[in-house]
């Protein structure tokens, strides 16, 4: 028979709190997963753009040299246009790394960069900004009006040729710092995620173990009350209802499984109650019950019908003679003298 749910949960309020905590922890694991995915995507963009800064630095140097040595005005104009685009994007991206802001991604669409926040990341950004500051001042005519004098062009080409290696070094340092910081952040989030998962599993085990413990407790109570429902409270023998269940089971086996039912009562029991009191009568009934239980076979069912009447269901007897022999043995066993209150 299945146990009612209310018995299994013990305290509904505590179980509800445990389930809510479990769901909350599971949701936190999911949220952290989404957070990690977003952080990885954000870091990947930053690392990619830091790597692109090296390419833009090289492109700026190349465009300066090509503009300086262009064969004609058309080639010079094309090189200056490339210089303007590369340097302007380099400056914008570097500023976004420094203070946060928008720049162009690799696909030409606007992307937002958060300002770098560790010294390992800030140092190369500041160094690169300091290094290109004089160049930016010389290239202002080009950036604003699209023109650049030959003197400014010669100076810019010589400056980038001399300092391009240092700019590349700073951008390499930025890329490395971004990669390291990204790994540290992801590891920290993974640690939080693992902790939340462990707490969720511990909470789940507490709920399961609590239900198991409550189930065992209820099952023990059920067994106790079932036993009391089947037993005579005075003698501990089976009661009438339990005996009738055993009898019905024996009858259901059919004629191929013979059995015997023996009924006994005590002659002269009422005078004992009248003379010595009901406590003495109860003691006598308990003594008789114990003797019958000891004399009967393990497969026999011994019950108290009520008052001073007892029943014995004995299976496996093949003849009436065997049943008569068992009955005589039981009568003999309870006919032995019994000392009760020195009487």
Protein backbone atom coordinates (compact mmCIF):
# COMPACT_ATOMS: atom_id res chain seq x y z
CA UNK A 1 0.00 0.00 0.00
CA UNK A 2 1.62 3.32 -1.04
CA UNK A 3 2.33 5.76 1.73
CA UNK A 4 0.57 9.15 1.66
CA UNK A 5 2.83 11.96 0.50
CA UNK A 6 2.18 13.98 3.64
CA UNK A 7 3.90 11.26 5.68
CA UNK A 8 6.95 11.25 3.43
CA UNK A 9 7.64 14.96 3.45
CA UNK A 10 7.65 15.32 7.25
CA UNK A 11 7.52 19.11 7.28
CA UNK A 12 6.06 20.53 4.03
CA UNK A 13 7.55 23.93 4.82
CA UNK A 14 11.07 22.53 5.17
CA UNK A 15 10.71 20.41 2.05
CA UNK A 16 9.41 23.40 0.07
CA UNK A 17 12.35 25.51 1.29
CA UNK A 18 14.80 22.76 0.29
CA UNK A 19 13.23 22.45 -3.17
CA UNK A 20 13.26 26.22 -3.67
CA UNK A 21 16.92 26.30 -2.67
CA UNK A 22 17.71 23.48 -5.08
CA UNK A 23 15.92 25.26 -7.94
CA UNK A 24 17.65 28.55 -7.04
CA UNK A 25 21.06 26.88 -7.08
CA UNK A 26 20.30 25.19 -10.40
CA UNK A 27 19.23 28.54 -11.85
CA UNK A 28 22.42 30.12 -10.53
CA UNK A 29 24.46 27.45 -12.34
CA UNK A 30 22.54 28.22 -15.54
CA UNK A 31 22.99 31.98 -15.09
CA UNK A 32 26.71 31.53 -14.48
CA UNK A 33 26.92 29.43 -17.66
CA UNK A 34 25.31 32.25 -19.61
CA UNK A 35 27.59 34.73 -17.86
CA UNK A 36 30.65 32.69 -18.79
CA UNK A 37 29.49 32.47 -22.41
CA UNK A 38 28.94 36.23 -22.56
CA UNK A 39 32.30 36.89 -20.90
CA UNK A 40 34.12 34.57 -23.30
CA UNK A 41 32.49 36.31 -26.28
CA UNK A 42 33.36 39.76 -24.89
CA UNK A 43 36.95 38.76 -24.14
CA UNK A 44 37.31 37.17 -27.57
CA UNK A 45 36.33 40.45 -29.23
CA UNK A 46 38.79 42.42 -27.09
CA UNK A 47 41.63 39.97 -27.72
CA UNK A 48 40.89 39.96 -31.45
CA UNK A 49 40.90 43.77 -31.62
CA UNK A 50 44.14 43.92 -29.62
CA UNK A 51 45.67 41.61 -32.18
CA UNK A 52 44.30 43.80 -34.96
CA UNK A 53 46.12 46.79 -33.44
CA UNK A 54 49.41 45.15 -34.43
CA UNK A 55 48.18 44.83 -38.00
CA UNK A 56 46.99 48.46 -38.04
CA UNK A 57 50.36 49.63 -36.77
CA UNK A 58 52.08 47.75 -39.58
CA UNK A 59 49.53 49.05 -42.08
CA UNK A 60 50.09 52.62 -40.92
CA UNK A 61 53.86 52.28 -41.40
CA UNK A 62 53.42 50.70 -44.82
CA UNK A 63 50.97 53.41 -45.97
CA UNK A 64 53.38 56.14 -44.83
CA UNK A 65 56.25 54.60 -46.80
CA UNK A 66 54.08 54.05 -49.89
CA UNK A 67 52.80 57.64 -49.75
CA UNK A 68 56.34 58.93 -49.46
CA UNK A 69 57.57 56.95 -52.46
CA UNK A 70 54.43 57.04 -54.61
CA UNK A 71 55.04 57.21 -58.39
CA UNK A 72 52.11 59.49 -59.07
CA UNK A 73 49.38 61.46 -57.35
CA UNK A 74 46.82 58.71 -57.76
CA UNK A 75 48.98 56.19 -55.94
CA UNK A 76 49.86 58.80 -53.32
CA UNK A 77 46.20 59.64 -52.72
CA UNK A 78 45.33 55.95 -52.35
CA UNK A 79 48.16 55.44 -49.84
CA UNK A 80 47.13 58.52 -47.86
CA UNK A 81 43.53 57.29 -47.74
CA UNK A 82 44.75 53.93 -46.44
CA UNK A 83 46.96 55.75 -43.90
CA UNK A 84 44.07 57.86 -42.67
CA UNK A 85 41.75 54.87 -42.29
CA UNK A 86 44.33 52.63 -40.56
CA UNK A 87 45.65 55.25 -38.14
CA UNK A 88 42.20 56.60 -37.30
CA UNK A 89 40.96 53.06 -36.49
CA UNK A 90 44.12 52.39 -34.47
CA UNK A 91 43.56 55.54 -32.41
CA UNK A 92 39.84 54.90 -31.90
CA UNK A 93 40.40 51.31 -30.75
CA UNK A 94 43.24 52.34 -28.43
CA UNK A 95 41.00 55.01 -26.90
CA UNK A 96 38.23 52.44 -26.42
CA UNK A 97 40.66 50.17 -24.58
CA UNK A 98 41.73 53.07 -22.39
CA UNK A 99 38.39 54.65 -21.43
CA UNK A 100 35.78 52.32 -22.88
CA UNK A 101 33.73 53.09 -25.94
CA UNK A 102 32.89 52.07 -29.47
CA UNK A 103 35.12 51.10 -32.35
CA UNK A 104 34.72 49.08 -35.52
CA UNK A 105 34.87 45.31 -35.45
CA UNK A 106 36.44 43.05 -38.02
CA UNK A 107 33.16 42.98 -39.97
CA UNK A 108 32.96 46.78 -40.08
CA UNK A 109 30.13 46.98 -37.53
CA UNK A 110 30.35 49.01 -34.34
CA UNK A 111 31.38 47.10 -31.23
CA UNK A 112 31.68 48.27 -27.63
CA UNK A 113 34.84 47.75 -25.61
CA UNK A 114 34.98 48.01 -21.84
CA UNK A 115 37.89 49.96 -20.42
CA UNK A 116 40.78 47.72 -19.36
CA UNK A 117 41.02 47.58 -15.58
CA UNK A 118 44.29 45.91 -14.63
CA UNK A 119 47.74 47.43 -14.53
CA UNK A 120 49.04 44.74 -16.89
CA UNK A 121 46.51 45.92 -19.49
CA UNK A 122 46.66 49.65 -18.77
CA UNK A 123 50.44 49.89 -18.98
CA UNK A 124 50.80 48.91 -22.69
CA UNK A 125 47.76 51.03 -23.64
CA UNK A 126 49.23 54.12 -21.97
CA UNK A 127 52.65 53.42 -23.47
CA UNK A 128 51.17 53.08 -26.98
CA UNK A 129 49.13 56.27 -26.54
CA UNK A 130 52.23 58.12 -25.43
CA UNK A 131 54.18 56.74 -28.39
CA UNK A 132 51.61 57.74 -31.06
CA UNK A 133 50.75 61.12 -29.55
CA UNK A 134 53.45 63.02 -31.54
CA UNK A 135 52.44 61.14 -34.70
CA UNK A 136 48.78 62.01 -34.18
CA UNK A 137 49.68 65.69 -33.89
CA UNK A 138 51.60 65.61 -37.20
CA UNK A 139 48.80 63.71 -38.97
CA UNK A 140 45.99 66.08 -37.88
CA UNK A 141 45.84 67.83 -41.30
CA UNK A 142 45.37 64.46 -42.95
CA UNK A 143 42.79 63.25 -40.43
CA UNK A 144 40.77 66.50 -40.61
CA UNK A 145 41.18 67.67 -44.19
CA UNK A 146 42.66 64.72 -46.07
CA UNK A 147 45.92 66.52 -46.95
CA UNK A 148 49.46 66.16 -45.64
CA UNK A 149 52.56 68.17 -46.43
CA UNK A 150 55.69 66.46 -47.70
CA UNK A 151 57.60 67.52 -44.55
CA UNK A 152 54.97 66.03 -42.25
CA UNK A 153 54.85 62.91 -44.36
CA UNK A 154 58.63 62.48 -44.22
CA UNK A 155 58.65 63.05 -40.46
CA UNK A 156 55.72 60.61 -39.86
CA UNK A 157 57.33 57.90 -42.01
CA UNK A 158 60.65 58.25 -40.18
CA UNK A 159 58.89 58.28 -36.78
CA UNK A 160 56.86 55.13 -37.43
CA UNK A 161 59.85 53.35 -38.91
CA UNK A 162 61.80 54.11 -35.73
CA UNK A 163 59.03 53.30 -33.22
CA UNK A 164 56.85 50.72 -34.93
CA UNK A 165 58.68 47.85 -33.19
CA UNK A 166 57.97 49.39 -29.78
CA UNK A 167 54.28 49.89 -30.66
CA UNK A 168 54.06 46.26 -31.77
CA UNK A 169 55.64 45.21 -28.48
CA UNK A 170 53.08 47.16 -26.47
CA UNK A 171 50.17 45.66 -28.46
CA UNK A 172 51.62 42.17 -27.93
CA UNK A 173 51.75 42.89 -24.21
CA UNK A 174 48.13 44.09 -24.29
CA UNK A 175 46.99 40.95 -26.10
CA UNK A 176 48.82 38.71 -23.62
CA UNK A 177 47.42 40.60 -20.63
CA UNK A 178 43.88 40.40 -22.03
CA UNK A 179 44.23 36.66 -22.60
CA UNK A 180 45.57 36.09 -19.08
CA UNK A 181 42.88 38.24 -17.49
CA UNK A 182 40.20 36.42 -19.47
CA UNK A 183 41.45 33.04 -18.25
CA UNK A 184 41.49 34.27 -14.64
CA UNK A 185 37.93 35.61 -14.89
CA UNK A 186 36.63 32.41 -16.46
CA UNK A 187 38.37 30.29 -13.82
CA UNK A 188 36.81 32.41 -11.06
CA UNK A 189 33.36 32.04 -12.62
CA UNK A 190 33.94 28.30 -13.03
CA UNK A 191 34.83 28.12 -9.34
CA UNK A 192 31.60 29.89 -8.38
CA UNK A 193 29.68 27.62 -10.74
CA UNK A 194 31.27 24.50 -9.26
CA UNK A 195 30.49 25.70 -5.74
CA UNK A 196 26.85 26.34 -6.66
CA UNK A 197 26.62 22.92 -8.30
CA UNK A 198 28.10 21.21 -5.23
CA UNK A 199 25.68 23.07 -2.95
CA UNK A 200 22.80 22.05 -5.21
CA UNK A 201 23.86 18.39 -5.09
CA UNK A 202 24.33 18.50 -1.30
CA UNK A 203 20.89 20.07 -0.94
CA UNK A 204 19.44 17.40 -3.24
CA UNK A 205 21.05 14.63 -1.18
CA UNK A 206 19.72 16.19 2.03
CA UNK A 207 16.21 16.17 0.57
CA UNK A 208 16.53 12.57 -0.63
CA UNK A 209 18.05 11.32 2.62
CA UNK A 210 15.40 13.19 4.60
CA UNK A 211 12.65 11.53 2.57
CA UNK A 212 14.27 8.11 3.01
CA UNK A 213 14.60 8.64 6.76
CA UNK A 214 11.00 9.80 7.00
CA UNK A 215 9.86 6.84 4.91
CA UNK A 216 11.64 4.38 7.19
CA UNK A 217 10.22 6.07 10.27
CA UNK A 218 6.69 5.90 8.88
CA UNK A 219 7.21 2.30 7.75
CA UNK A 220 8.30 1.32 11.27
CA UNK A 221 5.21 3.03 12.67
CA UNK A 222 3.03 1.24 10.14
CA UNK A 223 4.55 -2.12 11.04
CA UNK A 224 4.04 -1.37 14.71
CA UNK A 225 0.39 -0.46 14.26
CA UNK A 226 -0.24 -3.36 11.88
CA UNK A 227 1.21 -5.69 14.50
CA UNK A 228 -0.98 -4.17 17.18
CA UNK A 229 -4.02 -4.46 14.92
CA UNK A 230 -3.32 -8.19 14.44
CA UNK A 231 -2.48 -9.03 18.05
CA UNK A 232 -4.50 -9.55 21.18
CA UNK A 233 -3.40 -6.75 23.54
CA UNK A 234 -3.40 -9.02 26.63
CA UNK A 235 -1.73 -12.24 25.50
CA UNK A 236 0.16 -11.11 22.39
CA UNK A 237 -1.45 -13.91 20.36
CA UNK A 238 -3.17 -13.23 17.05
CA UNK A 239 -6.67 -11.80 17.44
CA UNK A 240 -9.92 -12.92 15.81
CA UNK A 241 -9.44 -10.79 12.67
CA UNK A 242 -5.90 -12.06 12.06
CA UNK A 243 -7.01 -15.66 12.61
CA UNK A 244 -9.87 -15.27 10.10
CA UNK A 245 -7.42 -13.89 7.51
CA UNK A 246 -5.15 -16.91 8.06
CA UNK A 247 -8.16 -19.22 7.79
CA UNK A 248 -9.29 -17.62 4.52
CA UNK A 249 -5.79 -18.03 3.11
CA UNK A 250 -5.73 -21.70 4.14
CA UNK A 251 -9.14 -22.28 2.52
CA UNK A 252 -7.96 -20.65 -0.71
CA UNK A 253 -5.26 -23.31 -1.06
CA UNK A 254 -7.89 -25.95 -1.89
CA UNK A 255 -8.28 -29.55 -0.76
CA UNK A 256 -4.75 -30.51 -1.74
CA UNK A 257 -3.45 -28.59 1.28
CA UNK A 258 -5.28 -29.98 4.33
CA UNK A 259 -5.34 -28.18 7.66
CA UNK A 260 -7.01 -28.44 11.06
CA UNK A 261 -8.71 -25.86 13.26
CA UNK A 262 -8.67 -26.55 17.01
CA UNK A 263 -10.74 -24.55 19.50
CA UNK A 264 -9.99 -24.58 23.22
CA UNK A 265 -11.61 -22.93 26.21
CA UNK A 266 -10.78 -23.05 29.91
CA UNK A 267 -13.16 -24.88 32.26
CA UNK A 268 -13.77 -23.13 35.55
CA UNK A 269 -12.20 -19.84 34.48
CA UNK A 270 -14.94 -17.56 35.85
CA UNK A 271 -14.46 -18.66 39.49
CA UNK A 272 -10.79 -17.68 39.26
CA UNK A 273 -11.78 -14.13 38.28
CA UNK A 274 -14.39 -14.07 41.03
CA UNK A 275 -12.08 -15.46 43.70
CA UNK A 276 -8.70 -13.93 42.90
CA UNK A 277 -9.67 -10.94 40.77
CA UNK A 278 -9.33 -10.06 37.11
CA UNK A 279 -5.57 -9.48 37.42
CA UNK A 280 -5.14 -13.12 38.37
CA UNK A 281 -7.41 -14.18 35.51
CA UNK A 282 -5.35 -12.13 33.07
CA UNK A 283 -2.15 -13.73 34.37
CA UNK A 284 -3.67 -17.17 33.82
CA UNK A 285 -4.70 -16.28 30.26
CA UNK A 286 -1.17 -15.05 29.51
CA UNK A 287 0.26 -18.30 30.92
CA UNK A 288 -2.02 -20.42 28.77
CA UNK A 289 -1.17 -18.32 25.70
CA UNK A 290 2.54 -18.82 26.33
CA UNK A 291 2.14 -22.58 26.76
CA UNK A 292 0.08 -22.89 23.56
CA UNK A 293 2.59 -20.81 21.62
CA UNK A 294 5.46 -22.97 22.84
CA UNK A 295 3.68 -26.28 22.10
CA UNK A 296 2.39 -25.31 18.67
CA UNK A 297 4.56 -25.67 15.59
CA UNK A 298 6.15 -22.66 13.96
CA UNK A 299 3.79 -23.00 11.02
CA UNK A 300 0.70 -23.00 13.26
CA UNK A 301 -1.38 -19.88 13.93
CA UNK A 302 -2.37 -19.51 17.59
CA UNK A 303 -5.03 -16.91 18.38
CA UNK A 304 -7.23 -15.76 21.23
CA UNK A 305 -10.86 -15.68 20.16
CA UNK A 306 -11.98 -13.77 23.23
CA UNK A 307 -12.52 -14.40 26.94
CA UNK A 308 -11.02 -17.81 27.73
CA UNK A 309 -11.35 -19.18 24.18
CA UNK A 310 -8.34 -19.96 21.99
CA UNK A 311 -7.93 -21.12 18.38
CA UNK A 312 -5.14 -22.99 16.63
CA UNK A 313 -4.84 -23.26 12.85
CA UNK A 314 -2.48 -26.10 11.97
CA UNK A 315 -1.58 -26.77 8.33
CA UNK A 316 0.05 -29.81 6.83
CA UNK A 317 -1.95 -32.37 8.85
CA UNK A 318 -2.94 -35.27 6.61
CA UNK A 319 -5.26 -37.26 8.88
CA UNK A 320 -7.83 -36.69 11.59
CA UNK A 321 -5.67 -38.77 13.90
CA UNK A 322 -2.82 -36.28 13.55
CA UNK A 323 -5.17 -33.41 14.40
CA UNK A 324 -6.49 -35.34 17.41
CA UNK A 325 -2.93 -36.04 18.56
CA UNK A 326 -2.05 -32.34 18.35
CA UNK A 327 -5.20 -31.39 20.26
CA UNK A 328 -4.46 -33.85 23.05
CA UNK A 329 -0.90 -32.57 23.33
CA UNK A 330 -2.12 -28.99 23.67
CA UNK A 331 -4.73 -29.96 26.29
CA UNK A 332 -2.10 -31.84 28.23
CA UNK A 333 0.31 -28.92 28.17
CA UNK A 334 -2.21 -26.46 29.59
CA UNK A 335 -3.44 -28.98 32.19
CA UNK A 336 -0.16 -28.85 34.07
CA UNK A 337 -0.41 -27.08 37.49
CA UNK A 338 0.28 -23.36 37.42
CA UNK A 339 1.29 -21.33 40.50
CA UNK A 340 -0.63 -18.08 40.77
CA UNK A 341 -0.29 -15.87 43.88
CA UNK A 342 0.89 -18.87 45.91
CA UNK A 343 -2.29 -20.77 44.84
